[in-house]
Amino acid sequence: MHQAEKKMINKRPKKVSRRHIEESPLVSDWLKGYKPGSRRVYRSAFGMFLDLAKRTPKQMIAERKADLKKEDVAEQHRYERLILDCFREKKIESASAAASIVKAVRAFFGYHYLPLRFRRIEAQEFSKGVKPVYVDYIPAREDLKAMVEAADVRDRAILLTLASTGISGDVCELTRQQFEDKWGKEEPICLAPRGGYLYRTKTGVKMRPFLTHDAAQATKIYLKTRRDKSPWLFVDKGGKKLSSDAVNKIVIRLSHRAAIPVPPGSRLRMHCFRKFFNEAANYADVTREWICVLYGHEVEGSEEFYVTATEDKLREKFKRIEPHLSISRLSNMVLLRKQHEIALDEQTKMELEMMKRMVGEEKFRRMAQYYLAMQPMIPWNPDEEYEPAIYRWQRILGEMLGKKKRAAKGD
């Protein structure tokens, strides 16, 4: 054990009271985003670490900030080694408690933007007792472009919305009305109501997210393909609201499909696009307070800044960020659209052929004729819009019956 760690553990006999831990704003703000069960586990594990390290949360934050500013790599990794020492000591009593300590302290530092970065050799010892330690891979615009090109219509809209807003799993809480009420009325689109805010599910923090032109166009095209009446902006094939786990799996799947070069020990997940947005905003020289309001992070200090950060002022800030988020200049969007139209046609034909085999050719023909006779004409502009799902069915059914019932406007 290094001398600094010995001092931190052995030369401060006074224990930190649990009451003091619970009353510390540094801890209470961190824990309030968790469910009661997780909050109890993290509070208990974090208290065990403080008892072992003989430190208060305030001292931990101050020391971690000071360590990260030092040039000596060994000093920068002081807390990583300290956690490993505490893990060894606690594992003798309880492996699960030792694992909980590692998770809790990592989560605490991560919440305060002071992430722990374990070396592989340091992580190996406790990797059997806890989940593997990964570093988030922050995608570049070229990575986003590759993933978009590998995505279908819905997943493309989800990816671009994640990158545009930086709100991570809260994309699942967006509604069609929030988008449709603003479409065509403002540029770029603010998803929060005029004069109001959206709120992050995890922390309840106010936010006013915006959509880039890429994300707005992709979402508009996706909604044109929807046949359900669900109020949620992003849904599964059954029209049910997507969960954050489902969105995370979409991101992971597309990163593999696009062969994104994620280094060993790193991972590309949904939350990485929150960091992608943060980096883009920093490149645009937007100050921290404005970034916090845009993607929903607590603004340090009073609530007075929210009065200053009006929607119009935020829109001007976002316009500066948008070039760093957009992939329009990197992607051939016309080619992407054609590829998706072909894929949608093939999927619709497959569904209708399966239906034909199930009910029989004669019954299918009668059902198709009735459907074509009863469905109203759906106007659309093929030069600017994706073909509406209901028209695609009309067209392909007509082709299967040997005739084309309707023609697109302008044909």
Protein backbone atom coordinates (compact mmCIF):
# COMPACT_ATOMS: atom_id res chain seq x y z
CA MET A 1 0.00 0.00 0.00
CA HIS A 2 1.33 3.45 -0.87
CA GLN A 3 2.25 5.85 1.90
CA ALA A 4 -0.49 8.34 0.97
CA GLU A 5 -3.16 5.63 1.23
CA LYS A 6 -1.82 4.48 4.61
CA LYS A 7 -2.18 8.01 5.92
CA MET A 8 -5.72 8.26 4.55
CA ILE A 9 -6.78 5.00 6.24
CA ASN A 10 -4.71 4.82 9.43
CA LYS A 11 -4.05 8.36 10.66
CA ARG A 12 -7.63 9.57 11.02
CA PRO A 13 -9.26 7.54 13.80
CA LYS A 14 -12.48 9.54 13.91
CA LYS A 15 -15.30 7.88 11.97
CA VAL A 16 -17.75 9.79 9.82
CA SER A 17 -21.25 9.59 11.25
CA ARG A 18 -23.97 8.10 9.03
CA ARG A 19 -26.22 11.03 9.88
CA HIS A 20 -23.61 13.41 8.51
CA ILE A 21 -23.37 11.32 5.32
CA GLU A 22 -27.10 11.49 4.68
CA GLU A 23 -27.23 15.23 5.31
CA SER A 24 -24.33 16.08 2.99
CA PRO A 25 -25.68 17.79 -0.19
CA LEU A 26 -22.93 16.11 -2.19
CA VAL A 27 -24.37 12.73 -1.26
CA SER A 28 -28.08 13.57 -1.14
CA ASP A 29 -28.01 15.18 -4.60
CA TRP A 30 -26.26 12.12 -5.98
CA LEU A 31 -28.60 9.59 -4.35
CA LYS A 32 -31.91 11.31 -5.12
CA GLY A 33 -31.84 10.03 -8.70
CA TYR A 34 -32.04 6.38 -7.58
CA LYS A 35 -34.98 4.26 -6.54
CA PRO A 36 -35.35 3.68 -2.76
CA GLY A 37 -33.80 0.20 -2.84
CA SER A 38 -30.74 1.27 -4.80
CA ARG A 39 -30.45 4.39 -2.68
CA ARG A 40 -30.24 2.32 0.53
CA VAL A 41 -27.58 0.00 -0.92
CA TYR A 42 -25.46 2.87 -2.21
CA ARG A 43 -25.81 4.86 1.02
CA SER A 44 -24.72 1.88 3.11
CA ALA A 45 -21.79 0.98 0.82
CA PHE A 46 -20.63 4.58 0.57
CA GLY A 47 -20.75 4.84 4.37
CA MET A 48 -18.55 1.75 4.66
CA PHE A 49 -16.00 3.33 2.35
CA LEU A 50 -15.98 6.57 4.36
CA ASP A 51 -15.44 4.57 7.55
CA LEU A 52 -12.46 2.81 5.97
CA ALA A 53 -10.99 5.91 4.30
CA LYS A 54 -11.70 8.27 7.24
CA ARG A 55 -12.91 10.97 4.87
CA THR A 56 -15.96 13.16 4.40
CA PRO A 57 -17.61 13.52 0.98
CA LYS A 58 -16.35 17.11 0.75
CA GLN A 59 -12.79 16.00 1.41
CA MET A 60 -13.09 13.26 -1.22
CA ILE A 61 -14.20 15.72 -3.89
CA ALA A 62 -11.46 18.22 -3.01
CA GLU A 63 -8.75 15.56 -3.01
CA ARG A 64 -9.93 13.98 -6.24
CA LYS A 65 -9.94 17.35 -8.02
CA ALA A 66 -6.45 18.07 -6.72
CA ASP A 67 -5.18 14.62 -7.75
CA LEU A 68 -6.45 14.97 -11.33
CA LYS A 69 -4.56 18.26 -11.71
CA LYS A 70 -1.25 16.67 -10.79
CA GLU A 71 1.24 15.65 -13.48
CA ASP A 72 2.33 12.48 -11.70
CA VAL A 73 0.18 9.60 -13.01
CA ALA A 74 0.61 7.67 -9.75
CA GLU A 75 -0.82 10.59 -7.78
CA GLN A 76 -3.70 10.91 -10.23
CA HIS A 77 -4.63 7.29 -9.48
CA ARG A 78 -4.50 7.61 -5.70
CA TYR A 79 -8.22 7.00 -5.18
CA GLU A 80 -8.26 4.03 -7.56
CA ARG A 81 -5.61 2.35 -5.40
CA LEU A 82 -7.38 3.35 -2.21
CA ILE A 83 -10.63 1.77 -3.42
CA LEU A 84 -8.74 -1.40 -4.31
CA ASP A 85 -7.26 -1.51 -0.79
CA CYS A 86 -10.70 -1.04 0.76
CA PHE A 87 -12.06 -3.76 -1.54
CA ARG A 88 -9.42 -6.20 -0.33
CA GLU A 89 -10.11 -5.41 3.32
CA LYS A 90 -13.88 -5.69 3.02
CA LYS A 91 -13.86 -8.78 0.80
CA ILE A 92 -12.58 -10.84 3.76
CA GLU A 93 -15.91 -10.18 5.51
CA SER A 94 -18.28 -10.02 2.54
CA ALA A 95 -17.61 -10.19 -1.21
CA SER A 96 -20.96 -8.59 -2.02
CA ALA A 97 -20.34 -5.67 0.35
CA ALA A 98 -16.89 -5.17 -1.19
CA ALA A 99 -18.43 -5.09 -4.66
CA SER A 100 -21.06 -2.59 -3.51
CA ILE A 101 -18.35 -0.26 -2.19
CA VAL A 102 -16.66 -0.16 -5.59
CA LYS A 103 -19.96 0.51 -7.38
CA ALA A 104 -21.01 3.22 -4.94
CA VAL A 105 -17.75 5.16 -4.99
CA ARG A 106 -17.53 4.93 -8.78
CA ALA A 107 -21.09 6.23 -9.05
CA PHE A 108 -20.40 9.06 -6.58
CA PHE A 109 -17.34 10.32 -8.46
CA GLY A 110 -19.05 9.82 -11.80
CA TYR A 111 -22.01 11.96 -10.72
CA HIS A 112 -19.62 14.79 -9.83
CA TYR A 113 -17.76 14.50 -13.16
CA LEU A 114 -14.63 13.07 -11.55
CA PRO A 115 -14.72 9.56 -13.03
CA LEU A 116 -12.44 6.82 -11.78
CA ARG A 117 -10.18 5.25 -14.40
CA PHE A 118 -8.90 1.91 -13.23
CA ARG A 119 -5.92 0.42 -14.98
CA ARG A 120 -6.46 -3.06 -16.28
CA ILE A 121 -4.12 -4.53 -13.69
CA GLU A 122 -6.01 -2.69 -10.92
CA ALA A 123 -9.40 -3.79 -12.22
CA GLN A 124 -8.43 -7.44 -12.61
CA GLU A 125 -8.34 -8.09 -8.87
CA PHE A 126 -11.94 -7.09 -8.21
CA SER A 127 -13.37 -7.92 -11.65
CA LYS A 128 -14.63 -11.24 -10.30
CA GLY A 129 -16.52 -9.46 -7.57
CA VAL A 130 -17.92 -6.58 -9.60
CA LYS A 131 -18.90 -5.86 -13.17
CA PRO A 132 -16.01 -5.10 -15.55
CA VAL A 133 -14.83 -1.51 -15.45
CA TYR A 134 -15.36 0.26 -18.77
CA VAL A 135 -14.49 3.69 -20.06
CA ASP A 136 -17.17 5.39 -22.14
CA TYR A 137 -16.19 5.82 -25.77
CA ILE A 138 -17.26 9.26 -26.99
CA PRO A 139 -18.27 8.91 -30.66
CA ALA A 140 -17.09 11.28 -33.36
CA ARG A 141 -19.39 12.62 -36.04
CA GLU A 142 -17.93 10.05 -38.43
CA ASP A 143 -19.00 7.30 -36.00
CA LEU A 144 -22.51 8.75 -35.84
CA LYS A 145 -22.63 8.88 -39.64
CA ALA A 146 -21.63 5.21 -39.91
CA MET A 147 -24.26 4.17 -37.36
CA VAL A 148 -26.96 6.22 -39.11
CA GLU A 149 -26.15 4.54 -42.42
CA ALA A 150 -26.51 1.13 -40.72
CA ALA A 151 -29.85 2.02 -39.10
CA ASP A 152 -33.44 1.63 -40.24
CA VAL A 153 -35.92 4.53 -40.32
CA ARG A 154 -36.85 4.42 -36.63
CA ASP A 155 -33.37 3.77 -35.27
CA ARG A 156 -31.94 6.56 -37.43
CA ALA A 157 -34.39 9.02 -35.86
CA ILE A 158 -33.52 7.75 -32.37
CA LEU A 159 -29.77 8.06 -32.94
CA LEU A 160 -29.97 11.58 -34.31
CA THR A 161 -32.28 12.65 -31.47
CA LEU A 162 -29.87 11.22 -28.89
CA ALA A 163 -26.99 13.13 -30.47
CA SER A 164 -29.01 16.32 -30.97
CA THR A 165 -30.44 16.60 -27.46
CA GLY A 166 -27.97 14.78 -25.21
CA ILE A 167 -30.84 13.67 -22.96
CA SER A 168 -29.95 9.97 -23.06
CA GLY A 169 -32.77 7.69 -21.87
CA ASP A 170 -35.22 10.58 -21.61
CA VAL A 171 -35.81 10.28 -25.38
CA CYS A 172 -38.23 7.52 -24.35
CA GLU A 173 -40.39 10.14 -22.59
CA LEU A 174 -40.79 12.36 -25.67
CA THR A 175 -44.24 12.45 -27.27
CA ARG A 176 -45.50 12.89 -30.80
CA GLN A 177 -47.39 15.99 -29.75
CA GLN A 178 -44.23 17.67 -28.49
CA PHE A 179 -42.71 17.23 -31.93
CA GLU A 180 -45.80 17.83 -34.10
CA ASP A 181 -46.77 21.02 -32.23
CA LYS A 182 -43.43 22.58 -33.17
CA TRP A 183 -42.82 21.10 -36.63
CA GLY A 184 -42.73 23.79 -39.32
CA LYS A 185 -43.21 26.61 -36.81
CA GLU A 186 -39.67 27.13 -35.57
CA GLU A 187 -36.12 26.25 -36.55
CA PRO A 188 -34.45 24.58 -34.78
CA ILE A 189 -37.26 22.85 -32.87
CA CYS A 190 -37.37 23.17 -29.08
CA LEU A 191 -39.13 20.14 -27.61
CA ALA A 192 -40.06 21.94 -24.38
CA PRO A 193 -43.35 23.89 -24.34
CA ARG A 194 -43.06 27.60 -25.00
CA GLY A 195 -42.14 29.28 -21.71
CA GLY A 196 -41.84 25.89 -19.96
CA TYR A 197 -39.45 23.01 -19.49
CA LEU A 198 -39.13 19.28 -19.78
CA TYR A 199 -37.76 17.40 -16.75
CA ARG A 200 -35.25 14.59 -16.59
CA THR A 201 -36.79 11.38 -15.28
CA LYS A 202 -33.79 10.42 -13.17
CA THR A 203 -33.08 13.71 -11.42
CA GLY A 204 -36.09 15.97 -12.07
CA VAL A 205 -33.76 18.68 -13.43
CA LYS A 206 -35.22 21.21 -15.89
CA MET A 207 -34.15 21.11 -19.53
CA ARG A 208 -34.95 22.65 -22.91
CA PRO A 209 -33.61 20.27 -25.58
CA PHE A 210 -33.49 21.16 -29.28
CA LEU A 211 -33.45 19.10 -32.47
CA THR A 212 -30.96 19.60 -35.27
CA HIS A 213 -32.30 19.79 -38.82
CA ASP A 214 -31.01 16.23 -39.37
CA ALA A 215 -32.87 14.90 -36.33
CA ALA A 216 -36.09 16.77 -37.13
CA GLN A 217 -36.16 15.50 -40.74
CA ALA A 218 -35.41 11.93 -39.66
CA THR A 219 -38.17 12.06 -37.04
CA LYS A 220 -40.67 13.47 -39.53
CA ILE A 221 -39.87 10.66 -41.98
CA TYR A 222 -40.16 8.05 -39.21
CA LEU A 223 -43.59 9.32 -38.16
CA LYS A 224 -44.75 9.02 -41.79
CA THR A 225 -44.07 5.28 -41.61
CA ARG A 226 -46.00 4.78 -38.36
CA ARG A 227 -49.37 3.02 -38.46
CA ASP A 228 -50.11 3.04 -34.73
CA LYS A 229 -51.83 5.76 -32.70
CA SER A 230 -49.44 5.65 -29.75
CA PRO A 231 -48.74 9.08 -28.20
CA TRP A 232 -45.03 8.30 -27.69
CA LEU A 233 -42.47 9.57 -30.18
CA PHE A 234 -40.50 6.32 -30.32
CA VAL A 235 -42.20 2.92 -30.05
CA ASP A 236 -41.56 -0.73 -30.79
CA LYS A 237 -43.24 -2.70 -33.59
CA GLY A 238 -46.31 -3.21 -31.42
CA GLY A 239 -46.72 0.51 -30.80
CA LYS A 240 -45.56 0.28 -27.19
CA LYS A 241 -43.31 2.88 -25.59
CA LEU A 242 -39.61 2.06 -25.83
CA SER A 243 -37.67 1.62 -22.60
CA SER A 244 -34.23 3.10 -21.98
CA ASP A 245 -32.80 -0.44 -21.98
CA ALA A 246 -34.27 -1.00 -25.44
CA VAL A 247 -32.73 2.24 -26.72
CA ASN A 248 -29.38 1.27 -25.21
CA LYS A 249 -29.52 -2.09 -27.01
CA ILE A 250 -30.27 -0.27 -30.28
CA VAL A 251 -27.14 1.86 -29.84
CA ILE A 252 -24.97 -1.17 -29.02
CA ARG A 253 -26.38 -3.18 -31.94
CA LEU A 254 -25.78 -0.37 -34.43
CA SER A 255 -22.26 0.25 -33.16
CA HIS A 256 -21.47 -3.41 -33.90
CA ARG A 257 -23.21 -3.31 -37.28
CA ALA A 258 -21.31 -0.16 -38.25
CA ALA A 259 -18.02 -1.64 -36.97
CA ILE A 260 -17.23 1.36 -34.78
CA PRO A 261 -13.59 0.98 -33.58
CA VAL A 262 -14.31 1.00 -29.83
CA PRO A 263 -11.01 0.29 -28.00
CA PRO A 264 -10.71 -2.69 -25.61
CA GLY A 265 -11.92 -1.74 -22.15
CA SER A 266 -14.26 0.91 -23.56
CA ARG A 267 -17.92 0.81 -24.54
CA LEU A 268 -20.30 2.77 -26.73
CA ARG A 269 -23.71 3.06 -25.10
CA MET A 270 -26.69 5.39 -25.10
CA HIS A 271 -25.22 7.68 -22.44
CA CYS A 272 -22.12 8.31 -24.60
CA PHE A 273 -24.22 10.58 -26.81
CA ARG A 274 -24.80 12.80 -23.77
CA LYS A 275 -21.04 13.25 -23.62
CA PHE A 276 -20.97 13.69 -27.40
CA PHE A 277 -23.40 16.62 -27.03
CA ASN A 278 -21.38 18.09 -24.16
CA GLU A 279 -18.17 17.99 -26.21
CA ALA A 280 -19.88 19.57 -29.23
CA ALA A 281 -21.17 22.40 -27.04
CA ASN A 282 -17.70 22.96 -25.61
CA TYR A 283 -16.23 23.10 -29.12
CA ALA A 284 -18.80 25.81 -29.90
CA ASP A 285 -17.59 27.82 -26.87
CA VAL A 286 -20.95 27.64 -25.11
CA THR A 287 -20.54 28.15 -21.36
CA ARG A 288 -21.38 25.45 -18.84
CA GLU A 289 -24.60 27.01 -17.51
CA TRP A 290 -26.20 27.15 -20.98
CA ILE A 291 -25.18 23.56 -21.71
CA CYS A 292 -26.77 22.41 -18.44
CA VAL A 293 -30.13 23.94 -19.35
CA LEU A 294 -30.03 22.51 -22.87
CA TYR A 295 -29.47 18.86 -21.87
CA GLY A 296 -30.74 18.80 -18.30
CA HIS A 297 -27.93 19.04 -15.80
CA GLU A 298 -28.27 20.92 -12.55
CA VAL A 299 -27.00 24.50 -12.75
CA GLU A 300 -24.67 25.30 -9.89
CA GLY A 301 -25.87 28.18 -7.74
CA SER A 302 -29.37 29.67 -7.66
CA GLU A 303 -32.37 29.26 -9.91
CA GLU A 304 -31.93 32.78 -11.26
CA PHE A 305 -30.07 31.59 -14.35
CA TYR A 306 -33.22 29.81 -15.61
CA VAL A 307 -34.87 33.24 -15.86
CA THR A 308 -31.99 34.43 -18.03
CA ALA A 309 -31.92 31.30 -20.20
CA THR A 310 -34.99 32.03 -22.32
CA GLU A 311 -35.94 29.79 -25.24
CA ASP A 312 -34.86 32.39 -27.82
CA LYS A 313 -31.44 32.82 -26.21
CA LEU A 314 -31.03 29.05 -25.94
CA ARG A 315 -31.93 28.72 -29.62
CA GLU A 316 -29.10 31.08 -30.56
CA LYS A 317 -26.69 29.05 -28.43
CA PHE A 318 -27.91 25.81 -30.04
CA LYS A 319 -27.40 27.23 -33.54
CA ARG A 320 -23.73 27.59 -32.65
CA ILE A 321 -23.60 23.96 -31.50
CA GLU A 322 -25.54 22.46 -34.41
CA PRO A 323 -22.65 22.36 -36.93
CA HIS A 324 -20.75 20.15 -34.48
CA LEU A 325 -23.74 17.78 -34.17
CA SER A 326 -24.91 17.61 -37.77
CA ILE A 327 -23.92 14.85 -40.19
CA SER A 328 -25.64 16.32 -43.27
CA ARG A 329 -22.30 17.16 -44.86
CA LEU A 330 -20.95 13.71 -44.08
CA SER A 331 -23.84 11.51 -45.23
CA ASN A 332 -25.54 10.98 -48.57
CA MET A 333 -29.07 11.37 -47.22
CA VAL A 334 -30.68 10.81 -50.65
CA LEU A 335 -29.02 7.41 -50.95
CA LEU A 336 -30.01 6.54 -47.38
CA ARG A 337 -33.63 7.39 -48.09
CA LYS A 338 -33.70 5.22 -51.22
CA GLN A 339 -32.20 2.29 -49.33
CA HIS A 340 -34.81 2.62 -46.58
CA GLU A 341 -37.67 2.83 -49.10
CA ILE A 342 -36.52 -0.41 -50.72
CA ALA A 343 -36.25 -2.10 -47.32
CA LEU A 344 -39.75 -0.95 -46.32
CA ASP A 345 -41.19 -2.28 -49.60
CA GLU A 346 -39.57 -5.67 -49.06
CA GLN A 347 -40.83 -5.86 -45.48
CA THR A 348 -44.40 -4.96 -46.52
CA LYS A 349 -44.37 -7.54 -49.34
CA MET A 350 -43.15 -10.22 -46.95
CA GLU A 351 -45.96 -9.42 -44.47
CA LEU A 352 -48.62 -9.54 -47.19
CA GLU A 353 -47.28 -12.79 -48.66
CA MET A 354 -47.43 -14.40 -45.22
CA MET A 355 -51.02 -13.21 -44.82
CA LYS A 356 -51.85 -14.61 -48.27
CA ARG A 357 -50.51 -18.04 -47.32
CA MET A 358 -52.43 -18.02 -44.03
CA VAL A 359 -55.91 -17.13 -45.38
CA GLY A 360 -55.68 -18.54 -48.87
CA GLU A 361 -55.39 -16.79 -52.23
CA GLU A 362 -59.11 -16.26 -52.90
CA LYS A 363 -59.93 -14.83 -49.45
CA PHE A 364 -56.82 -12.67 -49.61
CA ARG A 365 -57.91 -11.25 -52.98
CA ARG A 366 -61.36 -10.33 -51.61
CA MET A 367 -59.85 -8.74 -48.50
CA ALA A 368 -57.39 -6.76 -50.62
CA GLN A 369 -60.10 -5.50 -52.96
CA TYR A 370 -62.22 -4.39 -50.00
CA TYR A 371 -59.24 -2.64 -48.38
CA LEU A 372 -58.38 -0.78 -51.57
CA ALA A 373 -61.98 0.29 -52.08
CA MET A 374 -62.44 1.59 -48.53
CA GLN A 375 -59.15 3.34 -47.80
CA PRO A 376 -59.02 7.11 -48.52
CA MET A 377 -56.35 8.67 -50.68
CA ILE A 378 -53.34 9.88 -48.70
CA PRO A 379 -51.74 12.98 -50.27
CA TRP A 380 -47.95 13.14 -50.10
CA ASN A 381 -45.02 14.68 -51.94
CA PRO A 382 -42.62 11.94 -53.10
CA ASP A 383 -39.84 14.48 -53.69
CA GLU A 384 -39.74 15.57 -50.07
CA GLU A 385 -41.39 12.88 -47.93
CA TYR A 386 -41.26 9.20 -47.23
CA GLU A 387 -44.22 7.28 -48.58
CA PRO A 388 -46.92 7.02 -45.85
CA ALA A 389 -47.32 3.47 -44.54
CA ILE A 390 -51.01 3.34 -45.53
CA TYR A 391 -50.18 4.30 -49.14
CA ARG A 392 -47.40 1.71 -49.29
CA TRP A 393 -49.95 -0.96 -48.46
CA GLN A 394 -52.33 0.38 -51.11
CA ARG A 395 -49.61 0.41 -53.76
CA ILE A 396 -48.18 -3.03 -53.01
CA LEU A 397 -51.63 -4.63 -52.71
CA GLY A 398 -52.50 -3.10 -56.08
CA GLU A 399 -49.33 -4.54 -57.56
CA MET A 400 -50.14 -7.96 -56.12
CA LEU A 401 -53.64 -7.81 -57.64
CA GLY A 402 -52.18 -6.85 -61.00
CA LYS A 403 -53.22 -3.21 -60.95
CA LYS A 404 -52.18 0.08 -59.37
CA LYS A 405 -55.06 1.73 -57.57
CA ARG A 406 -53.67 5.19 -56.94
CA ALA A 407 -50.83 7.33 -58.13
CA ALA A 408 -48.73 9.67 -56.00
CA LYS A 409 -49.43 13.35 -56.34
CA GLY A 410 -47.39 14.78 -59.16
CA ASP A 411 -47.19 11.49 -61.16
